[in-house]
Amino acid sequence: MKLSFVGDVRLISDRTATPGALPSSPFDRVQPLLGDPDVLSGNLECFFTHDLTNEQGHWKHAKVLRADPAMCSTLVDAGFDVVNLANNHIMDGGPYGLEETIQTLDRHRLPWMGAGRSFHEAVAPTLVERQGKVIAFLSAGDNSHDYAASDGPGVAPMEPFDDLLARTRQASKSADLVVVQLHADLEFSEAPAPYRVRLSRQLIDHGAHLVIQHHPHVVQGVEEYGGGLIAYSLGNFVFNVHGNSYQSGYPEARYGWILSVDVDHGAEGPRVRGWNMEPVWIAEDHRPEPPSPERREEALVEFRRRCDLLKNDRAIRRAWRHRSWREARYHALMAYYKTRRGKPLAAMGDLIDLPLRPRNRHWILGFLGLSR
């Protein structure tokens, strides 16, 4: 059985297309690289809405990641079989945006996981059957402000970790293959945080066979562990990187990745037989295309270096400490600039809020040298 995965997919309409025409696919140029796996999955880093200008006033902020529902057909046509919704942008349009996203995916019969109208729906595994085998897909994110409640919409929570591990163990009892996707950690990091390495390996120990991750916008290493496979970040895939001041300072954000995994089902259960990472280049229209031979080799050399980091716990901690210092410096500068603009109370509020978010506590500990 072959399963393929890509990272962050922000569906972007072709502004040069004729009004009313069928949407052009952002995946056309890399369709041969995607191939025809038994399962293709990606992280849907946007919500669907007909209200593209926020006339109804449901957006969380002015720079939300949204897409016309007509773009959903490009996912189906490209061969996607299941999409992850547990990320920090699926709730950009509030409960209304999530509802329209779910209805759009259901209308196109495209399975999804990781978010829902309630906690129960958000954490429930999505089951896909291939070759007579049942594959359970679970996902979770670390953006606590968007966590689903018992009676409210949101994303599946990554914390507490014990609950996620328990959900994984439960899924393994009724499925032949378990895939867990995580959307977490600091962006633009060359290595995962130490806590995420531990959690990923624990997920394998608790019954997951593949642990696939995204959010950092850049690639991180892949490792085999306990008969399974962990991909720490697949980076971008379809994303507005060109001209994006937030990402333009990170050249590696211009590369996307396709992870292909071959799984054998034997008497002792599924095992990873082999895997491959193939880079793509995100063009100036924000769509992936095959890279030049020089770019491809450059990307693979850097990817192998990041895989090697995973073999050295000290190197992981050193990279994490450096990244934590950068994050602390960023928040300090933001507070300084707000104070300069005459908003000292807002600046103080931002700093007080930092340790209240679970995702921030990890890098704060890293900044203090207390992370292990």
Protein backbone atom coordinates (compact mmCIF):
# COMPACT_ATOMS: atom_id res chain seq x y z
CA MET A 1 0.00 0.00 0.00
CA LYS A 2 1.29 3.44 -0.93
CA LEU A 3 0.35 6.57 1.01
CA SER A 4 1.45 10.08 0.05
CA PHE A 5 1.36 13.30 2.03
CA VAL A 6 1.94 16.99 1.39
CA GLY A 7 2.15 19.93 3.78
CA ASP A 8 0.26 23.22 3.96
CA VAL A 9 -2.26 23.80 1.18
CA ARG A 10 -3.71 27.29 0.94
CA LEU A 11 -6.00 27.17 -2.09
CA ILE A 12 -5.47 30.31 -4.15
CA SER A 13 -7.63 31.24 -7.12
CA ASP A 14 -6.03 32.11 -10.45
CA ARG A 15 -6.76 35.84 -10.79
CA THR A 16 -6.02 35.73 -14.51
CA ALA A 17 -8.82 33.21 -15.14
CA THR A 18 -11.96 34.20 -17.02
CA PRO A 19 -14.78 35.12 -14.58
CA GLY A 20 -17.21 32.23 -14.24
CA ALA A 21 -14.80 29.67 -15.65
CA LEU A 22 -14.01 26.47 -13.81
CA PRO A 23 -11.16 27.03 -11.32
CA SER A 24 -7.72 26.09 -12.53
CA SER A 25 -5.92 23.55 -10.41
CA PRO A 26 -2.92 24.65 -8.35
CA PHE A 27 -1.71 21.04 -8.56
CA ASP A 28 -1.53 20.65 -12.35
CA ARG A 29 2.22 21.15 -12.69
CA VAL A 30 3.05 18.53 -10.05
CA GLN A 31 0.35 16.00 -10.86
CA PRO A 32 2.91 13.53 -12.28
CA LEU A 33 4.92 13.82 -9.03
CA LEU A 34 1.81 13.19 -6.94
CA GLY A 35 1.21 10.02 -8.95
CA ASP A 36 -1.64 7.70 -8.06
CA PRO A 37 -1.12 6.46 -4.49
CA ASP A 38 -3.72 4.47 -2.59
CA VAL A 39 -4.17 7.47 -0.29
CA LEU A 40 -3.17 11.12 -0.75
CA SER A 41 -3.51 13.51 2.18
CA GLY A 42 -2.68 17.16 2.83
CA ASN A 43 -3.20 19.92 5.37
CA LEU A 44 -5.98 22.32 4.28
CA GLU A 45 -4.60 25.62 5.59
CA CYS A 46 -7.67 27.73 4.82
CA PHE A 47 -11.43 27.71 5.21
CA PHE A 48 -14.07 27.72 2.51
CA THR A 49 -16.50 30.61 2.28
CA HIS A 50 -18.66 32.36 -0.30
CA ASP A 51 -18.18 35.53 1.74
CA LEU A 52 -14.74 36.36 0.39
CA THR A 53 -14.87 40.01 1.49
CA ASN A 54 -16.30 39.50 5.00
CA GLU A 55 -19.58 41.23 4.34
CA GLN A 56 -21.12 39.13 7.13
CA GLY A 57 -18.39 40.08 9.61
CA HIS A 58 -17.42 36.58 10.77
CA TRP A 59 -13.67 36.79 10.17
CA LYS A 60 -11.28 36.70 13.13
CA HIS A 61 -8.98 39.33 11.61
CA ALA A 62 -8.30 41.08 8.31
CA LYS A 63 -5.71 38.61 6.98
CA VAL A 64 -7.61 35.34 7.15
CA LEU A 65 -6.76 32.42 4.87
CA ARG A 66 -9.96 31.71 2.92
CA ALA A 67 -10.89 30.09 -0.38
CA ASP A 68 -13.85 29.99 -2.70
CA PRO A 69 -15.75 26.69 -2.22
CA ALA A 70 -15.40 26.10 -5.96
CA MET A 71 -11.70 25.46 -5.34
CA CYS A 72 -12.55 22.27 -3.44
CA SER A 73 -13.00 20.47 -6.74
CA THR A 74 -9.29 20.94 -7.45
CA LEU A 75 -8.47 18.84 -4.39
CA VAL A 76 -10.74 16.05 -5.61
CA ASP A 77 -9.43 16.24 -9.17
CA ALA A 78 -5.83 16.09 -7.91
CA GLY A 79 -6.62 12.83 -6.12
CA PHE A 80 -6.76 13.89 -2.48
CA ASP A 81 -8.50 11.28 -0.36
CA VAL A 82 -8.51 12.93 3.09
CA VAL A 83 -7.56 16.38 4.38
CA ASN A 84 -6.45 17.62 7.77
CA LEU A 85 -8.34 20.50 9.39
CA ALA A 86 -6.49 20.66 12.71
CA ASN A 87 -4.52 23.83 12.10
CA ASN A 88 -4.37 27.46 13.20
CA HIS A 89 -6.33 28.85 10.23
CA ILE A 90 -9.36 26.60 9.90
CA MET A 91 -11.17 28.80 12.47
CA ASP A 92 -10.20 32.08 10.76
CA GLY A 93 -13.81 32.44 9.66
CA GLY A 94 -15.23 31.48 13.05
CA PRO A 95 -17.89 28.79 13.48
CA TYR A 96 -19.55 29.90 10.24
CA GLY A 97 -16.36 29.39 8.26
CA LEU A 98 -15.82 25.95 9.75
CA GLU A 99 -19.41 24.96 9.03
CA GLU A 100 -19.18 26.03 5.38
CA THR A 101 -15.86 24.19 5.07
CA ILE A 102 -17.32 20.97 6.44
CA GLN A 103 -20.39 21.25 4.21
CA THR A 104 -18.20 21.93 1.17
CA LEU A 105 -15.97 18.92 1.84
CA ASP A 106 -18.97 16.68 2.50
CA ARG A 107 -20.64 17.86 -0.71
CA HIS A 108 -17.52 16.80 -2.61
CA ARG A 109 -17.33 13.55 -0.62
CA LEU A 110 -13.82 14.40 0.54
CA PRO A 111 -13.14 12.98 4.02
CA TRP A 112 -11.63 15.26 6.66
CA MET A 113 -10.44 15.07 10.26
CA GLY A 114 -9.11 17.23 13.08
CA ALA A 115 -11.90 19.77 13.55
CA GLY A 116 -15.61 19.70 14.11
CA ARG A 117 -18.77 21.22 15.47
CA SER A 118 -17.97 19.74 18.89
CA PHE A 119 -15.07 18.17 20.73
CA HIS A 120 -16.37 14.68 19.99
CA GLU A 121 -16.51 15.34 16.25
CA ALA A 122 -13.10 17.04 16.23
CA VAL A 123 -11.23 14.18 17.90
CA ALA A 124 -13.05 11.32 16.17
CA PRO A 125 -10.87 9.31 13.78
CA THR A 126 -11.75 9.27 10.09
CA LEU A 127 -11.72 5.77 8.62
CA VAL A 128 -10.67 5.08 5.03
CA GLU A 129 -10.66 1.59 3.53
CA ARG A 130 -8.08 0.54 0.96
CA GLN A 131 -7.13 -2.95 -0.24
CA GLY A 132 -9.39 -4.46 2.39
CA LYS A 133 -7.56 -2.61 5.18
CA VAL A 134 -9.00 0.08 7.44
CA ILE A 135 -6.85 3.19 7.89
CA ALA A 136 -7.63 5.47 10.85
CA PHE A 137 -6.68 9.14 10.44
CA LEU A 138 -6.41 11.29 13.55
CA SER A 139 -5.05 14.80 13.89
CA ALA A 140 -4.52 17.52 16.45
CA GLY A 141 -3.20 21.07 16.66
CA ASP A 142 -1.52 23.16 19.36
CA ASN A 143 -3.40 26.46 18.86
CA SER A 144 -5.32 26.39 22.14
CA HIS A 145 -7.44 29.45 21.29
CA ASP A 146 -9.17 27.33 18.64
CA TYR A 147 -9.70 24.14 20.65
CA ALA A 148 -13.12 22.56 20.34
CA ALA A 149 -15.33 22.48 23.42
CA SER A 150 -17.83 19.84 24.49
CA ASP A 151 -20.61 21.90 22.92
CA GLY A 152 -18.65 24.22 20.65
CA PRO A 153 -16.72 24.03 17.35
CA GLY A 154 -12.96 24.02 16.96
CA VAL A 155 -9.91 21.87 16.36
CA ALA A 156 -8.81 18.69 18.07
CA PRO A 157 -6.44 19.59 20.93
CA MET A 158 -2.91 18.26 21.01
CA GLU A 159 -2.72 18.71 24.76
CA PRO A 160 -2.95 17.09 27.21
CA PHE A 161 -0.61 14.65 25.48
CA ASP A 162 -1.93 11.70 27.47
CA ASP A 163 -5.38 12.21 25.94
CA LEU A 164 -3.93 12.23 22.42
CA LEU A 165 -1.96 9.07 23.18
CA ALA A 166 -5.10 7.41 24.52
CA ARG A 167 -7.05 8.33 21.37
CA THR A 168 -4.27 6.85 19.28
CA ARG A 169 -4.26 3.62 21.28
CA GLN A 170 -8.03 3.36 20.97
CA ALA A 171 -7.90 3.86 17.19
CA SER A 172 -5.28 1.13 16.84
CA LYS A 173 -7.72 -1.40 18.27
CA SER A 174 -10.18 -1.02 15.40
CA ALA A 175 -7.95 -0.13 12.43
CA ASP A 176 -5.25 -1.93 10.48
CA LEU A 177 -3.17 1.23 10.04
CA VAL A 178 -3.11 4.42 12.14
CA VAL A 179 -1.98 7.78 10.78
CA VAL A 180 -1.66 10.74 13.16
CA GLN A 181 -1.17 14.26 11.82
CA LEU A 182 0.03 17.11 14.04
CA HIS A 183 0.04 20.84 13.31
CA ALA A 184 2.35 22.33 15.90
CA ASP A 185 5.57 23.98 17.07
CA LEU A 186 7.38 27.19 16.11
CA GLU A 187 7.54 28.24 12.49
CA PHE A 188 10.74 28.31 10.41
CA SER A 189 12.62 25.89 12.68
CA GLU A 190 15.17 23.56 11.14
CA ALA A 191 14.52 20.92 13.82
CA PRO A 192 11.49 19.96 15.92
CA ALA A 193 11.25 20.91 19.56
CA PRO A 194 12.48 18.19 21.94
CA TYR A 195 8.97 17.72 23.35
CA ARG A 196 7.61 17.04 19.86
CA VAL A 197 10.27 14.41 19.19
CA ARG A 198 9.29 12.64 22.41
CA LEU A 199 5.58 12.92 21.66
CA SER A 200 5.98 11.64 18.10
CA ARG A 201 7.87 8.57 19.25
CA GLN A 202 5.31 7.98 22.00
CA LEU A 203 2.56 8.07 19.39
CA ILE A 204 4.31 5.23 17.57
CA ASP A 205 4.65 3.35 20.87
CA HIS A 206 0.89 3.80 21.44
CA GLY A 207 -0.18 2.35 18.11
CA ALA A 208 0.43 4.92 15.38
CA HIS A 209 2.27 3.72 12.30
CA LEU A 210 2.77 7.09 10.59
CA VAL A 211 3.11 10.47 12.31
CA ILE A 212 2.90 13.27 9.74
CA GLN A 213 3.41 16.90 10.75
CA HIS A 214 3.22 20.45 9.41
CA HIS A 215 3.04 24.12 10.45
CA PRO A 216 6.72 25.24 10.49
CA HIS A 217 6.43 26.18 6.74
CA VAL A 218 9.84 24.58 6.15
CA VAL A 219 10.94 20.97 5.92
CA GLN A 220 12.27 19.09 8.93
CA GLY A 221 13.75 15.63 9.15
CA VAL A 222 12.12 12.23 8.71
CA GLU A 223 13.03 9.23 10.85
CA GLU A 224 12.08 5.57 11.09
CA TYR A 225 11.11 4.52 14.59
CA GLY A 226 9.62 1.34 16.04
CA GLY A 227 8.59 -0.01 12.66
CA GLY A 228 6.81 3.25 11.84
CA LEU A 229 7.74 6.58 10.27
CA ILE A 230 7.79 10.14 11.62
CA ALA A 231 7.88 13.19 9.34
CA TYR A 232 8.39 16.26 11.52
CA SER A 233 7.39 18.89 8.94
CA LEU A 234 6.50 18.71 5.26
CA GLY A 235 6.64 22.49 4.90
CA ASN A 236 4.51 24.42 2.42
CA PHE A 237 2.93 23.02 -0.72
CA VAL A 238 0.50 25.57 -2.13
CA PHE A 239 1.15 28.86 -0.37
CA ASN A 240 1.62 32.56 -1.07
CA VAL A 241 5.33 32.62 -0.30
CA HIS A 242 6.44 35.01 -3.04
CA GLY A 243 5.98 38.60 -1.92
CA ASN A 244 5.02 37.47 1.58
CA SER A 245 7.18 39.53 3.95
CA TYR A 246 6.53 37.03 6.73
CA GLN A 247 8.05 34.10 4.80
CA SER A 248 10.36 35.73 2.27
CA GLY A 249 13.27 35.76 4.71
CA TYR A 250 13.36 31.96 4.70
CA PRO A 251 14.46 30.61 1.28
CA GLU A 252 13.58 27.05 2.29
CA ALA A 253 9.92 28.10 2.56
CA ARG A 254 9.92 28.21 -1.26
CA TYR A 255 10.21 24.41 -1.32
CA GLY A 256 7.33 22.02 -0.79
CA TRP A 257 7.60 18.29 -0.28
CA ILE A 258 5.81 15.10 -1.24
CA LEU A 259 6.31 12.21 1.16
CA SER A 260 5.53 8.77 -0.26
CA VAL A 261 5.42 5.77 2.08
CA ASP A 262 5.17 2.09 1.16
CA VAL A 263 3.55 -0.03 3.85
CA ASP A 264 3.48 -3.82 3.99
CA HIS A 265 0.76 -5.65 5.89
CA GLY A 266 2.18 -8.86 7.31
CA ALA A 267 1.18 -11.37 9.95
CA GLU A 268 2.65 -9.15 12.67
CA GLY A 269 0.90 -6.03 11.42
CA PRO A 270 1.87 -3.15 9.11
CA ARG A 271 5.46 -2.04 8.71
CA VAL A 272 7.05 0.69 6.64
CA ARG A 273 8.88 -0.95 3.75
CA GLY A 274 10.28 2.24 2.27
CA TRP A 275 9.73 5.97 1.86
CA ASN A 276 10.77 8.87 -0.33
CA MET A 277 10.77 12.65 -0.07
CA GLU A 278 10.46 14.59 -3.33
CA PRO A 279 10.88 18.39 -3.36
CA VAL A 280 8.82 20.81 -5.42
CA TRP A 281 9.41 24.50 -6.07
CA ILE A 282 6.71 27.04 -5.21
CA ALA A 283 6.54 29.41 -8.17
CA GLU A 284 5.77 33.12 -8.11
CA ASP A 285 2.06 32.40 -8.58
CA HIS A 286 2.28 30.42 -5.31
CA ARG A 287 1.74 27.04 -7.02
CA PRO A 288 4.13 24.08 -6.87
CA GLU A 289 6.08 22.92 -9.89
CA PRO A 290 8.97 20.50 -10.51
CA PRO A 291 12.24 22.15 -9.44
CA SER A 292 15.26 22.53 -11.66
CA PRO A 293 17.90 19.80 -11.18
CA GLU A 294 20.09 22.27 -9.27
CA ARG A 295 17.26 23.31 -6.93
CA ARG A 296 16.22 19.70 -6.41
CA GLU A 297 19.70 18.63 -5.39
CA GLU A 298 20.13 21.68 -3.16
CA ALA A 299 16.86 20.88 -1.39
CA LEU A 300 17.74 17.21 -0.90
CA VAL A 301 21.16 18.04 0.57
CA GLU A 302 19.55 20.33 3.14
CA PHE A 303 16.82 17.77 3.88
CA ARG A 304 19.43 15.07 4.59
CA ARG A 305 21.21 17.45 6.96
CA ARG A 306 17.98 17.99 8.86
CA CYS A 307 17.43 14.23 9.03
CA ASP A 308 20.90 13.88 10.56
CA LEU A 309 19.96 16.37 13.29
CA LEU A 310 17.39 13.86 14.56
CA LYS A 311 20.16 11.41 15.38
CA ASN A 312 21.74 13.77 17.91
CA ASP A 313 19.67 14.84 20.95
CA ARG A 314 22.21 17.51 21.80
CA ALA A 315 21.92 19.01 18.30
CA ILE A 316 18.12 19.06 18.61
CA ARG A 317 18.30 20.86 21.95
CA ARG A 318 20.85 23.34 20.61
CA ALA A 319 18.69 24.13 17.56
CA TRP A 320 15.61 24.45 19.78
CA ARG A 321 17.34 26.78 22.23
CA HIS A 322 18.48 29.01 19.37
CA ARG A 323 14.97 29.08 17.90
CA SER A 324 13.46 29.84 21.33
CA TRP A 325 15.76 32.84 21.73
CA ARG A 326 14.63 34.14 18.32
CA GLU A 327 11.00 33.77 19.38
CA ALA A 328 11.60 35.62 22.65
CA ARG A 329 13.37 38.43 20.80
CA TYR A 330 10.44 38.72 18.36
CA HIS A 331 7.85 39.10 21.13
CA ALA A 332 10.03 41.57 23.01
CA LEU A 333 10.35 43.71 19.87
CA MET A 334 6.58 43.56 19.23
CA ALA A 335 5.95 44.75 22.80
CA TYR A 336 8.52 47.54 22.38
CA TYR A 337 6.95 48.78 19.13
CA LYS A 338 3.44 48.73 20.62
CA THR A 339 4.69 50.75 23.56
CA ARG A 340 6.34 53.24 21.18
CA ARG A 341 2.99 53.62 19.39
CA GLY A 342 1.35 54.59 22.66
CA LYS A 343 -0.17 51.20 23.52
CA PRO A 344 1.72 50.10 26.65
CA LEU A 345 -1.26 48.30 28.16
CA ALA A 346 -1.78 46.26 24.98
CA ALA A 347 1.93 45.40 24.97
CA MET A 348 1.78 44.29 28.59
CA GLY A 349 -1.36 42.25 27.86
CA ASP A 350 0.41 40.43 25.03
CA LEU A 351 3.34 39.53 27.29
CA ILE A 352 1.05 38.32 30.07
CA ASP A 353 -0.87 36.17 27.58
CA LEU A 354 2.24 34.39 26.30
CA PRO A 355 2.68 31.78 29.07
CA LEU A 356 -1.09 31.20 29.19
CA ARG A 357 -1.00 29.50 25.80
CA PRO A 358 0.26 25.89 26.02
CA ARG A 359 2.16 26.18 22.73
CA ASN A 360 4.22 29.09 24.13
CA ARG A 361 5.23 27.36 27.33
CA HIS A 362 7.54 25.02 25.43
CA TRP A 363 9.64 27.74 23.82
CA ILE A 364 9.62 29.82 27.02
CA LEU A 365 11.19 26.85 28.79
CA GLY A 366 13.61 26.51 25.89
CA PHE A 367 14.53 30.18 26.18
CA LEU A 368 15.19 29.68 29.90
CA GLY A 369 17.32 26.61 29.18
CA LEU A 370 14.88 24.33 31.03
CA SER A 371 13.59 22.31 28.04
CA ARG A 372 14.60 18.69 27.75
